[in-house]
PDB file of N, CA and C in Angstrom:
ATOM      1  N   MET A   1       0.859  -1.178   0.000  1.00  0.00           N
ATOM      2  CA  MET A   1       0.000   0.000   0.000  1.00  0.00           C
ATOM      3  C   MET A   1       0.903   1.237   0.000  1.00  0.00           C
ATOM      4  N   ASN A   2       0.620   2.205  -0.853  1.00  0.00           N
ATOM      5  CA  ASN A   2       1.468   3.390  -0.934  1.00  0.00           C
ATOM      6  C   ASN A   2       1.077   4.450   0.093  1.00  0.00           C
ATOM      7  N   HIS A   3       1.890   5.485   0.205  1.00  0.00           N
ATOM      8  CA  HIS A   3       1.667   6.555   1.188  1.00  0.00           C
ATOM      9  C   HIS A   3       0.318   7.229   1.011  1.00  0.00           C
ATOM     10  N   ALA A   4      -0.067   7.498  -0.213  1.00  0.00           N
ATOM     11  CA  ALA A   4      -1.344   8.183  -0.459  1.00  0.00           C
ATOM     12  C   ALA A   4      -2.508   7.338   0.042  1.00  0.00           C
ATOM     13  N   ALA A   5      -2.452   6.031  -0.193  1.00  0.00           N
ATOM     14  CA  ALA A   5      -3.531   5.154   0.253  1.00  0.00           C
ATOM     15  C   ALA A   5      -3.575   5.071   1.779  1.00  0.00           C
ATOM     16  N   ARG A   6      -2.416   5.006   2.430  1.00  0.00           N
ATOM     17  CA  ARG A   6      -2.358   4.908   3.897  1.00  0.00           C
ATOM     18  C   ARG A   6      -2.795   6.195   4.563  1.00  0.00           C
ATOM     19  N   SER A   7      -2.396   7.329   4.013  1.00  0.00           N
ATOM     20  CA  SER A   7      -2.640   8.609   4.675  1.00  0.00           C
ATOM     21  C   SER A   7      -3.951   9.265   4.263  1.00  0.00           C
ATOM     22  N   GLY A   8      -4.530   8.793   3.157  1.00  0.00           N
ATOM     23  CA  GLY A   8      -5.763   9.407   2.679  1.00  0.00           C
ATOM     24  C   GLY A   8      -5.521  10.709   1.928  1.00  0.00           C
ATOM     25  N   THR A   9      -4.243  11.040   1.666  1.00  0.00           N
ATOM     26  CA  THR A   9      -3.927  12.252   0.912  1.00  0.00           C
ATOM     27  C   THR A   9      -3.739  11.904  -0.549  1.00  0.00           C
ATOM     28  N   SER A  10      -3.972  12.861  -1.397  1.00  0.00           N
ATOM     29  CA  SER A  10      -3.772  12.606  -2.817  1.00  0.00           C
ATOM     30  C   SER A  10      -2.368  13.015  -3.216  1.00  0.00           C
ATOM     31  N   VAL A  11      -1.841  12.306  -4.180  1.00  0.00           N
ATOM     32  CA  VAL A  11      -0.519  12.603  -4.725  1.00  0.00           C
ATOM     33  C   VAL A  11      -0.720  12.987  -6.176  1.00  0.00           C
ATOM     34  N   ALA A  12      -0.100  14.075  -6.600  1.00  0.00           N
ATOM     35  CA  ALA A  12      -0.261  14.543  -7.976  1.00  0.00           C
ATOM     36  C   ALA A  12       0.212  13.497  -8.965  1.00  0.00           C
ATOM     37  N   ASP A  13      -0.501  13.373 -10.045  1.00  0.00           N
ATOM     38  CA  ASP A  13      -0.178  12.455 -11.113  1.00  0.00           C
ATOM     39  C   ASP A  13       1.041  12.981 -11.870  1.00  0.00           C
ATOM     40  N   ALA A  14       1.833  12.070 -12.423  1.00  0.00           N
ATOM     41  CA  ALA A  14       3.000  12.491 -13.207  1.00  0.00           C
ATOM     42  C   ALA A  14       2.590  13.331 -14.406  1.00  0.00           C
ATOM     43  N   TRP A  15       1.366  13.139 -14.905  1.00  0.00           N
ATOM     44  CA  TRP A  15       0.894  13.945 -16.026  1.00  0.00           C
ATOM     45  C   TRP A  15       0.803  15.403 -15.659  1.00  0.00           C
ATOM     46  N   TYR A  16       0.626  15.686 -14.370  1.00  0.00           N
ATOM     47  CA  TYR A  16       0.517  17.079 -13.942  1.00  0.00           C
ATOM     48  C   TYR A  16       1.833  17.764 -14.200  1.00  0.00           C
ATOM     49  N   SER A  17       1.795  18.778 -14.981  1.00  0.00           N
ATOM     50  CA  SER A  17       2.969  19.590 -15.241  1.00  0.00           C
ATOM     51  C   SER A  17       2.574  21.002 -14.879  1.00  0.00           C
ATOM     52  N   GLY A  18       2.863  21.379 -13.670  1.00  0.00           N
ATOM     53  CA  GLY A  18       2.427  22.679 -13.191  1.00  0.00           C
ATOM     54  C   GLY A  18       3.351  23.790 -13.626  1.00  0.00           C
ATOM     55  N   SER A  19       2.836  24.691 -14.401  1.00  0.00           N
ATOM     56  CA  SER A  19       3.597  25.860 -14.801  1.00  0.00           C
ATOM     57  C   SER A  19       3.678  26.789 -13.596  1.00  0.00           C
ATOM     58  N   THR A  20       4.856  27.305 -13.342  1.00  0.00           N
ATOM     59  CA  THR A  20       5.068  28.116 -12.155  1.00  0.00           C
ATOM     60  C   THR A  20       6.176  29.119 -12.397  1.00  0.00           C
ATOM     61  N   SER A  21       6.399  29.952 -11.412  1.00  0.00           N
ATOM     62  CA  SER A  21       7.551  30.852 -11.399  1.00  0.00           C
ATOM     63  C   SER A  21       8.389  30.518 -10.178  1.00  0.00           C
ATOM     64  N   CYS A  22       9.681  30.556 -10.336  1.00  0.00           N
ATOM     65  CA  CYS A  22      10.598  30.270  -9.239  1.00  0.00           C
ATOM     66  C   CYS A  22      10.456  31.332  -8.152  1.00  0.00           C
ATOM     67  N   ASP A  23      10.316  30.903  -6.908  1.00  0.00           N
ATOM     68  CA  ASP A  23      10.213  31.834  -5.792  1.00  0.00           C
ATOM     69  C   ASP A  23      11.494  32.663  -5.623  1.00  0.00           C
ATOM     70  N   ALA A  24      12.630  32.102  -6.002  1.00  0.00           N
ATOM     71  CA  ALA A  24      13.908  32.778  -5.781  1.00  0.00           C
ATOM     72  C   ALA A  24      14.243  33.809  -6.854  1.00  0.00           C
ATOM     73  N   CYS A  25      13.875  33.520  -8.125  1.00  0.00           N
ATOM     74  CA  CYS A  25      14.303  34.429  -9.195  1.00  0.00           C
ATOM     75  C   CYS A  25      13.170  34.902 -10.110  1.00  0.00           C
ATOM     76  N   GLY A  26      12.009  34.298 -10.019  1.00  0.00           N
ATOM     77  CA  GLY A  26      10.875  34.708 -10.841  1.00  0.00           C
ATOM     78  C   GLY A  26      10.826  34.100 -12.225  1.00  0.00           C
ATOM     79  N   ALA A  27      11.792  33.257 -12.572  1.00  0.00           N
ATOM     80  CA  ALA A  27      11.816  32.638 -13.901  1.00  0.00           C
ATOM     81  C   ALA A  27      10.691  31.627 -14.049  1.00  0.00           C
ATOM     82  N   HIS A  28      10.198  31.481 -15.275  1.00  0.00           N
ATOM     83  CA  HIS A  28       9.146  30.514 -15.590  1.00  0.00           C
ATOM     84  C   HIS A  28       9.759  29.123 -15.701  1.00  0.00           C
ATOM     85  N   ALA A  29       9.081  28.136 -15.156  1.00  0.00           N
ATOM     86  CA  ALA A  29       9.500  26.733 -15.261  1.00  0.00           C
ATOM     87  C   ALA A  29       8.264  25.861 -15.072  1.00  0.00           C
ATOM     88  N   GLU A  30       8.433  24.553 -15.228  1.00  0.00           N
ATOM     89  CA  GLU A  30       7.334  23.609 -15.035  1.00  0.00           C
ATOM     90  C   GLU A  30       7.761  22.539 -14.049  1.00  0.00           C
ATOM     91  N   TRP A  31       6.848  22.178 -13.162  1.00  0.00           N
ATOM     92  CA  TRP A  31       7.091  21.091 -12.214  1.00  0.00           C
ATOM     93  C   TRP A  31       6.840  19.758 -12.899  1.00  0.00           C
ATOM     94  N   HIS A  32       7.754  18.821 -12.716  1.00  0.00           N
ATOM     95  CA  HIS A  32       7.590  17.448 -13.200  1.00  0.00           C
ATOM     96  C   HIS A  32       8.070  16.500 -12.111  1.00  0.00           C
ATOM     97  N   ARG A  33       7.351  15.393 -11.951  1.00  0.00           N
ATOM     98  CA  ARG A  33       7.779  14.367 -11.004  1.00  0.00           C
ATOM     99  C   ARG A  33       8.875  13.539 -11.648  1.00  0.00           C
ATOM    100  N   THR A  34       9.879  13.161 -10.866  1.00  0.00           N
ATOM    101  CA  THR A  34      10.969  12.326 -11.371  1.00  0.00           C
ATOM    102  C   THR A  34      10.608  10.856 -11.202  1.00  0.00           C
ATOM    103  N   VAL A  35      11.415   9.982 -11.777  1.00  0.00           N
ATOM    104  CA  VAL A  35      11.179   8.544 -11.647  1.00  0.00           C
ATOM    105  C   VAL A  35      11.328   8.091 -10.201  1.00  0.00           C
ATOM    106  N   ARG A  36      11.996   8.866  -9.373  1.00  0.00           N
ATOM    107  CA  ARG A  36      12.157   8.526  -7.949  1.00  0.00           C
ATOM    108  C   ARG A  36      11.072   9.143  -7.075  1.00  0.00           C
ATOM    109  N   GLY A  37      10.078   9.771  -7.705  1.00  0.00           N
ATOM    110  CA  GLY A  37       8.953  10.315  -6.958  1.00  0.00           C
ATOM    111  C   GLY A  37       9.158  11.712  -6.406  1.00  0.00           C
ATOM    112  N   ARG A  38      10.276  12.325  -6.686  1.00  0.00           N
ATOM    113  CA  ARG A  38      10.514  13.706  -6.263  1.00  0.00           C
ATOM    114  C   ARG A  38      10.036  14.636  -7.368  1.00  0.00           C
ATOM    115  N   TRP A  39      10.013  15.915  -7.071  1.00  0.00           N
ATOM    116  CA  TRP A  39       9.594  16.913  -8.053  1.00  0.00           C
ATOM    117  C   TRP A  39      10.761  17.812  -8.394  1.00  0.00           C
ATOM    118  N   THR A  40      10.848  18.206  -9.651  1.00  0.00           N
ATOM    119  CA  THR A  40      11.885  19.127 -10.088  1.00  0.00           C
ATOM    120  C   THR A  40      11.277  20.147 -11.045  1.00  0.00           C
ATOM    121  N   MET A  41      11.839  21.341 -11.022  1.00  0.00           N
ATOM    122  CA  MET A  41      11.413  22.382 -11.958  1.00  0.00           C
ATOM    123  C   MET A  41      12.264  22.262 -13.214  1.00  0.00           C
ATOM    124  N   ILE A  42      11.607  22.216 -14.361  1.00  0.00           N
ATOM    125  CA  ILE A  42      12.301  22.079 -15.642  1.00  0.00           C
ATOM    126  C   ILE A  42      12.131  23.362 -16.442  1.00  0.00           C
ATOM    127  N   GLU A  43      13.248  23.857 -16.956  1.00  0.00           N
ATOM    128  CA  GLU A  43      13.245  25.056 -17.796  1.00  0.00           C
ATOM    129  C   GLU A  43      12.493  24.785 -19.101  1.00  0.00           C
ATOM    130  N   PRO A  44      11.850  25.805 -19.660  1.00  0.00           N
ATOM    131  CA  PRO A  44      11.238  25.625 -20.979  1.00  0.00           C
ATOM    132  C   PRO A  44      12.311  25.471 -22.053  1.00  0.00           C
ATOM    133  N   GLY A  45      11.982  24.758 -23.103  1.00  0.00           N
ATOM    134  CA  GLY A  45      12.887  24.637 -24.248  1.00  0.00           C
ATOM    135  C   GLY A  45      13.711  23.366 -24.246  1.00  0.00           C
ATOM    136  N   ASP A  46      14.139  22.994 -25.421  1.00  0.00           N
ATOM    137  CA  ASP A  46      14.992  21.824 -25.632  1.00  0.00           C
ATOM    138  C   ASP A  46      16.378  22.298 -26.030  1.00  0.00           C
ATOM    139  N   TRP A  47      17.392  21.529 -25.629  1.00  0.00           N
ATOM    140  CA  TRP A  47      18.782  21.886 -25.909  1.00  0.00           C
ATOM    141  C   TRP A  47      19.517  20.676 -26.463  1.00  0.00           C
ATOM    142  N   PRO A  48      20.491  20.874 -27.348  1.00  0.00           N
ATOM    143  CA  PRO A  48      21.294  19.749 -27.833  1.00  0.00           C
ATOM    144  C   PRO A  48      22.045  19.110 -26.661  1.00  0.00           C
ATOM    145  N   VAL A  49      22.007  17.779 -26.576  1.00  0.00           N
ATOM    146  CA  VAL A  49      22.643  17.115 -25.435  1.00  0.00           C
ATOM    147  C   VAL A  49      24.126  17.435 -25.326  1.00  0.00           C
ATOM    148  N   GLY A  50      24.776  17.706 -26.437  1.00  0.00           N
ATOM    149  CA  GLY A  50      26.202  18.020 -26.407  1.00  0.00           C
ATOM    150  C   GLY A  50      26.527  19.321 -25.705  1.00  0.00           C
ATOM    151  N   SER A  51      25.532  20.184 -25.513  1.00  0.00           N
ATOM    152  CA  SER A  51      25.779  21.472 -24.855  1.00  0.00           C
ATOM    153  C   SER A  51      25.427  21.440 -23.370  1.00  0.00           C
ATOM    154  N   VAL A  52      24.949  20.288 -22.898  1.00  0.00           N
ATOM    155  CA  VAL A  52      24.547  20.149 -21.499  1.00  0.00           C
ATOM    156  C   VAL A  52      25.352  19.004 -20.877  1.00  0.00           C
ATOM    157  N   PRO A  53      25.994  19.239 -19.737  1.00  0.00           N
ATOM    158  CA  PRO A  53      26.819  18.190 -19.129  1.00  0.00           C
ATOM    159  C   PRO A  53      26.016  16.943 -18.744  1.00  0.00           C
ATOM    160  N   VAL A  54      26.675  15.796 -18.805  1.00  0.00           N
ATOM    161  CA  VAL A  54      26.076  14.542 -18.353  1.00  0.00           C
ATOM    162  C   VAL A  54      25.645  14.721 -16.898  1.00  0.00           C
ATOM    163  N   GLY A  55      24.487  14.197 -16.567  1.00  0.00           N
ATOM    164  CA  GLY A  55      23.948  14.316 -15.218  1.00  0.00           C
ATOM    165  C   GLY A  55      23.019  15.504 -15.050  1.00  0.00           C
ATOM    166  N   LYS A  56      23.040  16.420 -16.021  1.00  0.00           N
ATOM    167  CA  LYS A  56      22.179  17.603 -15.971  1.00  0.00           C
ATOM    168  C   LYS A  56      21.203  17.620 -17.141  1.00  0.00           C
ATOM    169  N   ARG A  57      21.123  16.495 -17.846  1.00  0.00           N
ATOM    170  CA  ARG A  57      20.246  16.344 -19.011  1.00  0.00           C
ATOM    171  C   ARG A  57      18.966  15.632 -18.582  1.00  0.00           C
ATOM    172  N   TRP A  58      17.843  16.212 -18.946  1.00  0.00           N
ATOM    173  CA  TRP A  58      16.547  15.637 -18.600  1.00  0.00           C
ATOM    174  C   TRP A  58      15.706  15.433 -19.847  1.00  0.00           C
ATOM    175  N   ARG A  59      14.861  14.448 -19.809  1.00  0.00           N
ATOM    176  CA  ARG A  59      13.865  14.218 -20.852  1.00  0.00           C
ATOM    177  C   ARG A  59      12.526  14.041 -20.151  1.00  0.00           C
ATOM    178  N   ILE A  60      11.473  14.566 -20.749  1.00  0.00           N
ATOM    179  CA  ILE A  60      10.133  14.400 -20.205  1.00  0.00           C
ATOM    180  C   ILE A  60       9.484  13.239 -20.952  1.00  0.00           C
ATOM    181  N   ALA A  61       9.180  12.176 -20.220  1.00  0.00           N
ATOM    182  CA  ALA A  61       8.574  10.976 -20.805  1.00  0.00           C
ATOM    183  C   ALA A  61       7.129  11.260 -21.210  1.00  0.00           C
ATOM    184  N   GLY A  62       6.562  10.357 -21.950  1.00  0.00           N
ATOM    185  CA  GLY A  62       5.197  10.507 -22.438  1.00  0.00           C
ATOM    186  C   GLY A  62       4.170  10.684 -21.330  1.00  0.00           C
ATOM    187  N   ASP A  63       4.452  10.154 -20.140  1.00  0.00           N
ATOM    188  CA  ASP A  63       3.500  10.307 -19.034  1.00  0.00           C
ATOM    189  C   ASP A  63       3.782  11.545 -18.194  1.00  0.00           C
ATOM    190  N   GLY A  64       4.744  12.386 -18.628  1.00  0.00           N
ATOM    191  CA  GLY A  64       5.047  13.615 -17.903  1.00  0.00           C
ATOM    192  C   GLY A  64       6.152  13.490 -16.881  1.00  0.00           C
ATOM    193  N   THR A  65       6.700  12.295 -16.716  1.00  0.00           N
ATOM    194  CA  THR A  65       7.763  12.070 -15.743  1.00  0.00           C
ATOM    195  C   THR A  65       9.093  12.603 -16.272  1.00  0.00           C
ATOM    196  N   ALA A  66       9.842  13.293 -15.407  1.00  0.00           N
ATOM    197  CA  ALA A  66      11.177  13.781 -15.762  1.00  0.00           C
ATOM    198  C   ALA A  66      12.188  12.659 -15.537  1.00  0.00           C
ATOM    199  N   VAL A  67      12.940  12.329 -16.579  1.00  0.00           N
ATOM    200  CA  VAL A  67      13.922  11.254 -16.531  1.00  0.00           C
ATOM    201  C   VAL A  67      15.298  11.860 -16.754  1.00  0.00           C
ATOM    202  N   ASN A  68      16.210  11.635 -15.811  1.00  0.00           N
ATOM    203  CA  ASN A  68      17.567  12.137 -15.966  1.00  0.00           C
ATOM    204  C   ASN A  68      18.306  11.237 -16.943  1.00  0.00           C
ATOM    205  N   LEU A  69      18.867  11.839 -17.989  1.00  0.00           N
ATOM    206  CA  LEU A  69      19.591  11.074 -19.005  1.00  0.00           C
ATOM    207  C   LEU A  69      21.048  10.950 -18.611  1.00  0.00           C
ATOM    208  N   GLY A  70      21.619   9.833 -18.883  1.00  0.00           N
ATOM    209  CA  GLY A  70      23.062   9.685 -18.749  1.00  0.00           C
ATOM    210  C   GLY A  70      23.677  10.136 -20.061  1.00  0.00           C
ATOM    211  N   SER A  71      24.133   9.180 -20.819  1.00  0.00           N
ATOM    212  CA  SER A  71      24.645   9.512 -22.141  1.00  0.00           C
ATOM    213  C   SER A  71      23.490   9.475 -23.129  1.00  0.00           C
ATOM    214  N   ALA A  72      23.669  10.133 -24.227  1.00  0.00           N
ATOM    215  CA  ALA A  72      22.634  10.175 -25.261  1.00  0.00           C
ATOM    216  C   ALA A  72      23.301  10.434 -26.595  1.00  0.00           C
ATOM    217  N   SER A  73      22.569  10.196 -27.645  1.00  0.00           N
ATOM    218  CA  SER A  73      23.068  10.449 -28.978  1.00  0.00           C
ATOM    219  C   SER A  73      23.322  11.954 -29.142  1.00  0.00           C
ATOM    220  N   PRO A  74      24.415  12.347 -29.781  1.00  0.00           N
ATOM    221  CA  PRO A  74      24.710  13.773 -29.964  1.00  0.00           C
ATOM    222  C   PRO A  74      23.614  14.551 -30.688  1.00  0.00           C
ATOM    223  N   SER A  75      22.778  13.843 -31.450  1.00  0.00           N
ATOM    224  CA  SER A  75      21.710  14.538 -32.169  1.00  0.00           C
ATOM    225  C   SER A  75      20.448  14.704 -31.313  1.00  0.00           C
ATOM    226  N   ASP A  76      20.432  14.106 -30.124  1.00  0.00           N
ATOM    227  CA  ASP A  76      19.265  14.207 -29.244  1.00  0.00           C
ATOM    228  C   ASP A  76      19.137  15.591 -28.625  1.00  0.00           C
ATOM    229  N   LYS A  77      17.944  15.873 -28.168  1.00  0.00           N
ATOM    230  CA  LYS A  77      17.659  17.103 -27.424  1.00  0.00           C
ATOM    231  C   LYS A  77      17.384  16.722 -25.983  1.00  0.00           C
ATOM    232  N   CYS A  78      17.547  17.658 -25.082  1.00  0.00           N
ATOM    233  CA  CYS A  78      17.262  17.405 -23.685  1.00  0.00           C
ATOM    234  C   CYS A  78      16.704  18.670 -23.046  1.00  0.00           C
ATOM    235  N   ARG A  79      16.266  18.552 -21.823  1.00  0.00           N
ATOM    236  CA  ARG A  79      15.771  19.678 -21.037  1.00  0.00           C
ATOM    237  C   ARG A  79      16.755  19.912 -19.900  1.00  0.00           C
ATOM    238  N   ILE A  80      16.620  21.052 -19.232  1.00  0.00           N
ATOM    239  CA  ILE A  80      17.522  21.427 -18.137  1.00  0.00           C
ATOM    240  C   ILE A  80      16.691  21.742 -16.905  1.00  0.00           C
ATOM    241  N   SER A  81      17.146  21.257 -15.762  1.00  0.00           N
ATOM    242  CA  SER A  81      16.483  21.579 -14.499  1.00  0.00           C
ATOM    243  C   SER A  81      16.693  23.056 -14.178  1.00  0.00           C
ATOM    244  N   HIS A  82      15.631  23.705 -13.749  1.00  0.00           N
ATOM    245  CA  HIS A  82      15.765  25.111 -13.372  1.00  0.00           C
ATOM    246  C   HIS A  82      16.762  25.278 -12.236  1.00  0.00           C
ATOM    247  N   PHE A  83      16.838  24.309 -11.339  1.00  0.00           N
ATOM    248  CA  PHE A  83      17.737  24.417 -10.187  1.00  0.00           C
ATOM    249  C   PHE A  83      19.202  24.503 -10.609  1.00  0.00           C
ATOM    250  N   ASP A  84      19.530  24.034 -11.808  1.00  0.00           N
ATOM    251  CA  ASP A  84      20.907  24.134 -12.314  1.00  0.00           C
ATOM    252  C   ASP A  84      21.214  25.486 -12.944  1.00  0.00           C
ATOM    253  N   VAL A  85      20.178  26.294 -13.204  1.00  0.00           N
ATOM    254  CA  VAL A  85      20.387  27.607 -13.836  1.00  0.00           C
ATOM    255  C   VAL A  85      19.687  28.739 -13.064  1.00  0.00           C
ATOM    256  N   CYS A  86      19.333  28.489 -11.826  1.00  0.00           N
ATOM    257  CA  CYS A  86      18.689  29.522 -11.005  1.00  0.00           C
ATOM    258  C   CYS A  86      19.761  30.465 -10.454  1.00  0.00           C
ATOM    259  N   PRO A  87      19.607  31.769 -10.639  1.00  0.00           N
ATOM    260  CA  PRO A  87      20.621  32.718 -10.176  1.00  0.00           C
ATOM    261  C   PRO A  87      20.718  32.835  -8.651  1.00  0.00           C
ATOM    262  N   SER A  88      19.848  32.148  -7.919  1.00  0.00           N
ATOM    263  CA  SER A  88      19.998  32.124  -6.461  1.00  0.00           C
ATOM    264  C   SER A  88      21.096  31.144  -6.057  1.00  0.00           C
ATOM    265  N   ARG A  89      21.615  30.421  -7.022  1.00  0.00           N
ATOM    266  CA  ARG A  89      22.711  29.463  -6.819  1.00  0.00           C
ATOM    267  C   ARG A  89      23.930  29.945  -7.600  1.00  0.00           C
ATOM    268  N   PRO A  90      25.094  29.376  -7.320  1.00  0.00           N
ATOM    269  CA  PRO A  90      26.299  29.785  -8.068  1.00  0.00           C
ATOM    270  C   PRO A  90      26.145  29.558  -9.576  1.00  0.00           C
ATOM    271  N   ALA A  91      26.799  30.404 -10.349  1.00  0.00           N
ATOM    272  CA  ALA A  91      26.755  30.295 -11.810  1.00  0.00           C
ATOM    273  C   ALA A  91      27.375  28.973 -12.260  1.00  0.00           C
ATOM    274  N   PRO A  92      26.736  28.291 -13.214  1.00  0.00           N
ATOM    275  CA  PRO A  92      27.313  27.047 -13.728  1.00  0.00           C
ATOM    276  C   PRO A  92      28.545  27.351 -14.571  1.00  0.00           C
ATOM    277  N   ALA A  93      29.604  26.619 -14.317  1.00  0.00           N
ATOM    278  CA  ALA A  93      30.858  26.858 -15.028  1.00  0.00           C
ATOM    279  C   ALA A  93      31.152  25.775 -16.060  1.00  0.00           C
ATOM    280  N   ASP A  94      30.262  24.773 -16.171  1.00  0.00           N
ATOM    281  CA  ASP A  94      30.564  23.631 -17.019  1.00  0.00           C
ATOM    282  C   ASP A  94      29.835  23.620 -18.354  1.00  0.00           C
ATOM    283  N   SER A  95      29.113  24.713 -18.673  1.00  0.00           N
ATOM    284  CA  SER A  95      28.381  24.744 -19.934  1.00  0.00           C
ATOM    285  C   SER A  95      28.038  26.180 -20.310  1.00  0.00           C
ATOM    286  N   PRO A  96      28.460  26.653 -21.495  1.00  0.00           N
ATOM    287  CA  PRO A  96      28.086  28.000 -21.942  1.00  0.00           C
ATOM    288  C   PRO A  96      26.568  28.181 -22.074  1.00  0.00           C
ATOM    289  N   VAL A  97      25.853  27.134 -22.500  1.00  0.00           N
ATOM    290  CA  VAL A  97      24.395  27.210 -22.629  1.00  0.00           C
ATOM    291  C   VAL A  97      23.761  27.409 -21.256  1.00  0.00           C
ATOM    292  N   MET A  98      24.214  26.647 -20.280  1.00  0.00           N
ATOM    293  CA  MET A  98      23.641  26.763 -18.935  1.00  0.00           C
ATOM    294  C   MET A  98      24.003  28.104 -18.306  1.00  0.00           C
ATOM    295  N   LEU A  99      25.202  28.597 -18.562  1.00  0.00           N
ATOM    296  CA  LEU A  99      25.585  29.917 -18.054  1.00  0.00           C
ATOM    297  C   LEU A  99      24.722  31.008 -18.689  1.00  0.00           C
ATOM    298  N   ALA A 100      24.427  30.883 -19.973  1.00  0.00           N
ATOM    299  CA  ALA A 100      23.562  31.867 -20.644  1.00  0.00           C
ATOM    300  C   ALA A 100      22.151  31.850 -20.039  1.00  0.00           C
ATOM    301  N   LEU A 101      21.613  30.665 -19.760  1.00  0.00           N
ATOM    302  CA  LEU A 101      20.292  30.571 -19.115  1.00  0.00           C
ATOM    303  C   LEU A 101      20.329  31.165 -17.703  1.00  0.00           C
ATOM    304  N   TRP A 102      21.402  30.904 -16.974  1.00  0.00           N
ATOM    305  CA  TRP A 102      21.575  31.458 -15.627  1.00  0.00           C
ATOM    306  C   TRP A 102      21.551  32.991 -15.696  1.00  0.00           C
ATOM    307  N   ARG A 103      22.303  33.555 -16.654  1.00  0.00           N
ATOM    308  CA  ARG A 103      22.340  35.021 -16.818  1.00  0.00           C
ATOM    309  C   ARG A 103      20.967  35.578 -17.222  1.00  0.00           C
ATOM    310  N   LYS A 104      20.274  34.891 -18.113  1.00  0.00           N
ATOM    311  CA  LYS A 104      18.935  35.327 -18.521  1.00  0.00           C
ATOM    312  C   LYS A 104      17.997  35.341 -17.313  1.00  0.00           C
ATOM    313  N   ASN A 105      18.047  34.312 -16.508  1.00  0.00           N
ATOM    314  CA  ASN A 105      17.208  34.258 -15.307  1.00  0.00           C
ATOM    315  C   ASN A 105      17.611  35.337 -14.307  1.00  0.00           C
ATOM    316  N   ALA A 106      18.895  35.650 -14.222  1.00  0.00           N
ATOM    317  CA  ALA A 106      19.366  36.701 -13.302  1.00  0.00           C
ATOM    318  C   ALA A 106      18.854  38.064 -13.728  1.00  0.00           C
ATOM    319  N   GLN A 107      18.794  38.328 -15.029  1.00  0.00           N
ATOM    320  CA  GLN A 107      18.276  39.592 -15.525  1.00  0.00           C
ATOM    321  C   GLN A 107      16.801  39.760 -15.213  1.00  0.00           C
ATOM    322  N   ARG A 108      16.073  38.671 -15.251  1.00  0.00           N
ATOM    323  CA  ARG A 108      14.637  38.701 -14.986  1.00  0.00           C
ATOM    324  C   ARG A 108      14.377  39.153 -13.545  1.00  0.00           C
ATOM    325  N   GLY A 109      15.211  38.706 -12.631  1.00  0.00           N
ATOM    326  CA  GLY A 109      15.012  39.041 -11.218  1.00  0.00           C
ATOM    327  C   GLY A 109      15.590  40.374 -10.819  1.00  0.00           C
ATOM    328  N   GLY A 110      16.466  40.924 -11.653  1.00  0.00           N
ATOM    329  CA  GLY A 110      17.156  42.146 -11.306  1.00  0.00           C
ATOM    330  C   GLY A 110      16.496  43.313 -11.797  1.00  0.00           C
TER     331      GLY A 110
END
């Protein structure tokens, strides 16, 4: 029996993709549940996997679940977690694309 059944509380379906704004910087993102049952904010837009470091590449599955990609074909696209480009955190130094998104989000809040 899962937590929702035991506690009588409802748990959001993975299909739920809640559009929101980050409390820290005001940037637009969407909430998606991960395969481990946690929630993460995903930035809008797709990016070439070659421009995003391994471990920071996400794909949204058909049921709305956010799946962290390991390696992928260079021609694939991926998504980026907002938490990796939120200006309330240190600037990412491992990707020019992620640094550009971080700067764009910083301008929005400033």
